[in-house]
C-alpha atoms as a PDB file:
ATOM      1  CA  MET A   1      63.788  37.193 179.185  1.00  0.00           C
ATOM      2  CA  ASP A   2      61.114  33.743 180.397  1.00  0.00           C
ATOM      3  CA  VAL A   3      62.686  31.731 182.905  1.00  0.00           C
ATOM      4  CA  LEU A   4      62.155  28.333 180.906  1.00  0.00           C
ATOM      5  CA  GLU A   5      63.711  29.778 177.989  1.00  0.00           C
ATOM      6  CA  SER A   6      67.093  29.378 180.335  1.00  0.00           C
ATOM      7  CA  VAL A   7      65.745  25.644 181.218  1.00  0.00           C
ATOM      8  CA  SER A   8      67.705  22.668 178.647  1.00  0.00           C
ATOM      9  CA  LYS A   9      66.925  19.225 179.018  1.00  0.00           C
ATOM     10  CA  GLY A  10      68.864  16.944 181.424  1.00  0.00           C
ATOM     11  CA  MET A  11      69.671  20.007 183.776  1.00  0.00           C
ATOM     12  CA  ARG A  12      69.676  19.036 187.126  1.00  0.00           C
ATOM     13  CA  VAL A  13      66.953  20.432 189.319  1.00  0.00           C
ATOM     14  CA  VAL A  14      67.248  21.254 193.282  1.00  0.00           C
ATOM     15  CA  ASP A  15      64.580  21.873 195.408  1.00  0.00           C
ATOM     16  CA  ALA A  16      64.436  24.643 197.856  1.00  0.00           C
ATOM     17  CA  SER A  17      66.318  22.943 200.693  1.00  0.00           C
ATOM     18  CA  GLY A  18      69.324  22.147 198.404  1.00  0.00           C
ATOM     19  CA  ASP A  19      68.172  18.198 197.375  1.00  0.00           C
ATOM     20  CA  ASP A  20      68.738  17.384 193.515  1.00  0.00           C
ATOM     21  CA  ILE A  21      64.924  16.317 192.857  1.00  0.00           C
ATOM     22  CA  GLY A  22      66.201  15.099 189.187  1.00  0.00           C
ATOM     23  CA  ALA A  23      66.715  16.390 185.903  1.00  0.00           C
ATOM     24  CA  VAL A  24      64.436  18.649 183.670  1.00  0.00           C
ATOM     25  CA  GLU A  25      63.375  15.349 180.861  1.00  0.00           C
ATOM     26  CA  ARG A  26      60.547  17.700 179.280  1.00  0.00           C
ATOM     27  CA  ILE A  27      59.963  22.073 179.196  1.00  0.00           C
ATOM     28  CA  VAL A  28      56.716  23.476 177.494  1.00  0.00           C
ATOM     29  CA  PRO A  29      56.172  26.763 177.144  1.00  0.00           C
ATOM     30  CA  PRO A  30      53.460  28.659 178.367  1.00  0.00           C
ATOM     31  CA  ASN A  31      50.135  28.059 176.042  1.00  0.00           C
ATOM     32  CA  THR A  32      47.673  30.878 176.504  1.00  0.00           C
ATOM     33  CA  LYS A  33      45.168  29.197 174.349  1.00  0.00           C
ATOM     34  CA  ALA A  34      45.235  26.018 176.860  1.00  0.00           C
ATOM     35  CA  GLU A  35      41.695  26.054 178.377  1.00  0.00           C
ATOM     36  CA  VAL A  36      40.180  26.260 174.356  1.00  0.00           C
ATOM     37  CA  PHE A  37      42.549  23.700 173.164  1.00  0.00           C
ATOM     38  CA  GLU A  38      41.666  21.097 176.286  1.00  0.00           C
ATOM     39  CA  GLU A  39      37.905  21.608 175.379  1.00  0.00           C
ATOM     40  CA  ALA A  40      38.059  20.735 171.999  1.00  0.00           C
ATOM     41  CA  ALA A  41      40.486  17.656 172.321  1.00  0.00           C
ATOM     42  CA  THR A  42      37.755  16.541 175.132  1.00  0.00           C
ATOM     43  CA  ALA A  43      34.611  17.620 172.938  1.00  0.00           C
ATOM     44  CA  SER A  44      35.825  16.239 169.432  1.00  0.00           C
ATOM     45  CA  GLN A  45      35.418  12.093 169.373  1.00  0.00           C
ATOM     46  CA  GLN A  46      38.511  10.441 169.985  1.00  0.00           C
ATOM     47  CA  ASP A  47      39.184   7.386 167.669  1.00  0.00           C
ATOM     48  CA  LEU A  48      40.271   3.891 168.615  1.00  0.00           C
ATOM     49  CA  ILE A  49      43.708   3.842 167.955  1.00  0.00           C
ATOM     50  CA  ASN A  50      44.744   7.160 170.344  1.00  0.00           C
ATOM     51  CA  LEU A  51      41.946   6.357 172.681  1.00  0.00           C
ATOM     52  CA  GLY A  52      44.026   2.948 173.438  1.00  0.00           C
ATOM     53  CA  LEU A  53      47.241   4.966 172.997  1.00  0.00           C
ATOM     54  CA  SER A  54      46.006   7.195 175.505  1.00  0.00           C
ATOM     55  CA  ALA A  55      45.123   4.434 178.253  1.00  0.00           C
ATOM     56  CA  VAL A  56      48.467   3.046 177.609  1.00  0.00           C
ATOM     57  CA  PHE A  57      50.214   6.124 177.677  1.00  0.00           C
ATOM     58  CA  GLY A  58      48.571   8.518 179.067  1.00  0.00           C
ATOM     59  CA  ARG A  59      48.785  12.022 178.687  1.00  0.00           C
ATOM     60  CA  GLU A  60      50.937  14.625 180.007  1.00  0.00           C
ATOM     61  CA  PRO A  61      51.295  15.867 182.358  1.00  0.00           C
ATOM     62  CA  LYS A  62      49.386  13.148 184.621  1.00  0.00           C
ATOM     63  CA  VAL A  63      48.297  15.713 187.306  1.00  0.00           C
ATOM     64  CA  PRO A  64      44.228  16.760 187.875  1.00  0.00           C
ATOM     65  CA  GLU A  65      42.587  18.413 185.409  1.00  0.00           C
ATOM     66  CA  LEU A  66      43.136  22.272 187.565  1.00  0.00           C
ATOM     67  CA  MET A  67      46.163  21.685 187.894  1.00  0.00           C
ATOM     68  CA  ALA A  68      47.196  20.561 184.597  1.00  0.00           C
ATOM     69  CA  ARG A  69      45.544  23.768 183.146  1.00  0.00           C
ATOM     70  CA  ARG A  70      47.837  26.057 185.341  1.00  0.00           C
ATOM     71  CA  LEU A  71      50.916  23.795 183.869  1.00  0.00           C
ATOM     72  CA  PHE A  72      49.918  24.875 180.216  1.00  0.00           C
ATOM     73  CA  HIS A  73      48.770  28.701 180.893  1.00  0.00           C
ATOM     74  CA  SER A  74      51.994  29.100 183.153  1.00  0.00           C
ATOM     75  CA  GLY A  75      54.169  26.730 181.192  1.00  0.00           C
ATOM     76  CA  TYR A  76      56.158  23.559 182.869  1.00  0.00           C
ATOM     77  CA  ILE A  77      59.260  21.371 183.286  1.00  0.00           C
ATOM     78  CA  LYS A  78      58.866  17.961 184.016  1.00  0.00           C
ATOM     79  CA  ILE A  79      61.568  16.399 186.098  1.00  0.00           C
ATOM     80  CA  ASP A  80      62.525  12.752 185.650  1.00  0.00           C
ATOM     81  CA  ALA A  81      62.904  11.962 189.540  1.00  0.00           C
ATOM     82  CA  ARG A  82      65.746   9.806 190.309  1.00  0.00           C
ATOM     83  CA  GLY A  83      65.345   6.527 191.438  1.00  0.00           C
ATOM     84  CA  PHE A  84      63.619   3.398 190.276  1.00  0.00           C
ATOM     85  CA  TRP A  85      60.841   3.724 192.632  1.00  0.00           C
ATOM     86  CA  ALA A  86      60.747   7.753 192.434  1.00  0.00           C
ATOM     87  CA  SER A  87      57.330   9.103 190.631  1.00  0.00           C
ATOM     88  CA  ASP A  88      58.353  11.681 188.343  1.00  0.00           C
ATOM     89  CA  SER A  89      56.604  15.157 188.851  1.00  0.00           C
ATOM     90  CA  TYR A  90      55.795  18.486 187.038  1.00  0.00           C
ATOM     91  CA  ALA A  91      56.840  22.823 188.510  1.00  0.00           C
ATOM     92  CA  ALA A  92      55.479  25.015 186.638  1.00  0.00           C
ATOM     93  CA  ALA A  93      57.299  27.769 185.388  1.00  0.00           C
ATOM     94  CA  ASP A  94      56.691  30.355 188.530  1.00  0.00           C
ATOM     95  CA  ALA A  95      57.559  27.479 190.658  1.00  0.00           C
ATOM     96  CA  ILE A  96      61.923  28.716 189.251  1.00  0.00           C
ATOM     97  CA  ASN A  97      63.265  30.876 191.327  1.00  0.00           C
ATOM     98  CA  ARG A  98      66.407  30.925 189.227  1.00  0.00           C
ATOM     99  CA  VAL A  99      68.469  28.875 186.393  1.00  0.00           C
ATOM    100  CA  GLU A 100      72.248  28.877 187.744  1.00  0.00           C
ATOM    101  CA  ASP A 101      75.799  27.105 187.132  1.00  0.00           C
ATOM    102  CA  GLY A 102      73.628  24.485 184.360  1.00  0.00           C
ATOM    103  CA  LYS A 103      70.748  24.126 187.829  1.00  0.00           C
ATOM    104  CA  VAL A 104      67.407  24.817 188.106  1.00  0.00           C
ATOM    105  CA  TYR A 105      66.607  25.849 191.480  1.00  0.00           C
ATOM    106  CA  LEU A 106      62.469  25.463 192.483  1.00  0.00           C
ATOM    107  CA  ASN A 107      61.454  28.119 194.990  1.00  0.00           C
ATOM    108  CA  LEU A 108      59.299  24.713 196.553  1.00  0.00           C
ATOM    109  CA  THR A 109      60.543  22.108 198.285  1.00  0.00           C
ATOM    110  CA  ARG A 110      59.873  18.256 197.043  1.00  0.00           C
ATOM    111  CA  HIS A 111      57.655  18.122 199.550  1.00  0.00           C
ATOM    112  CA  GLU A 112      55.872  21.253 198.246  1.00  0.00           C
ATOM    113  CA  LEU A 113      56.279  20.583 194.749  1.00  0.00           C
ATOM    114  CA  SER A 114      54.533  16.931 195.352  1.00  0.00           C
ATOM    115  CA  ALA A 115      51.334  18.499 197.439  1.00  0.00           C
ATOM    116  CA  GLN A 116      50.468  20.518 194.618  1.00  0.00           C
ATOM    117  CA  VAL A 117      48.589  18.290 192.807  1.00  0.00           C
END
């Protein structure tokens, strides 16, 4: 069973140090065709409306391209960080150690997760 299938929106996320680092905001399953999709999306000409919306809202995940490809290939969760000034983060499926008692446990600390990007 894919670990992402056990994850639900709103579950608390705990890092390898045992710290609660936020809640699952979004779950994205693996996509083996991510590179083909990404190439097609960047090669197509964008209209002004889509270009404007991308500039305002950005695209997900908000990480460098290589990391985005890795996340799309493995699947990932978006973590809504605790606190007003905290930034959201992303954890690839392989960074999830287990899902237990309504919580997602990562095999990385908060700092290791941030350092991936």
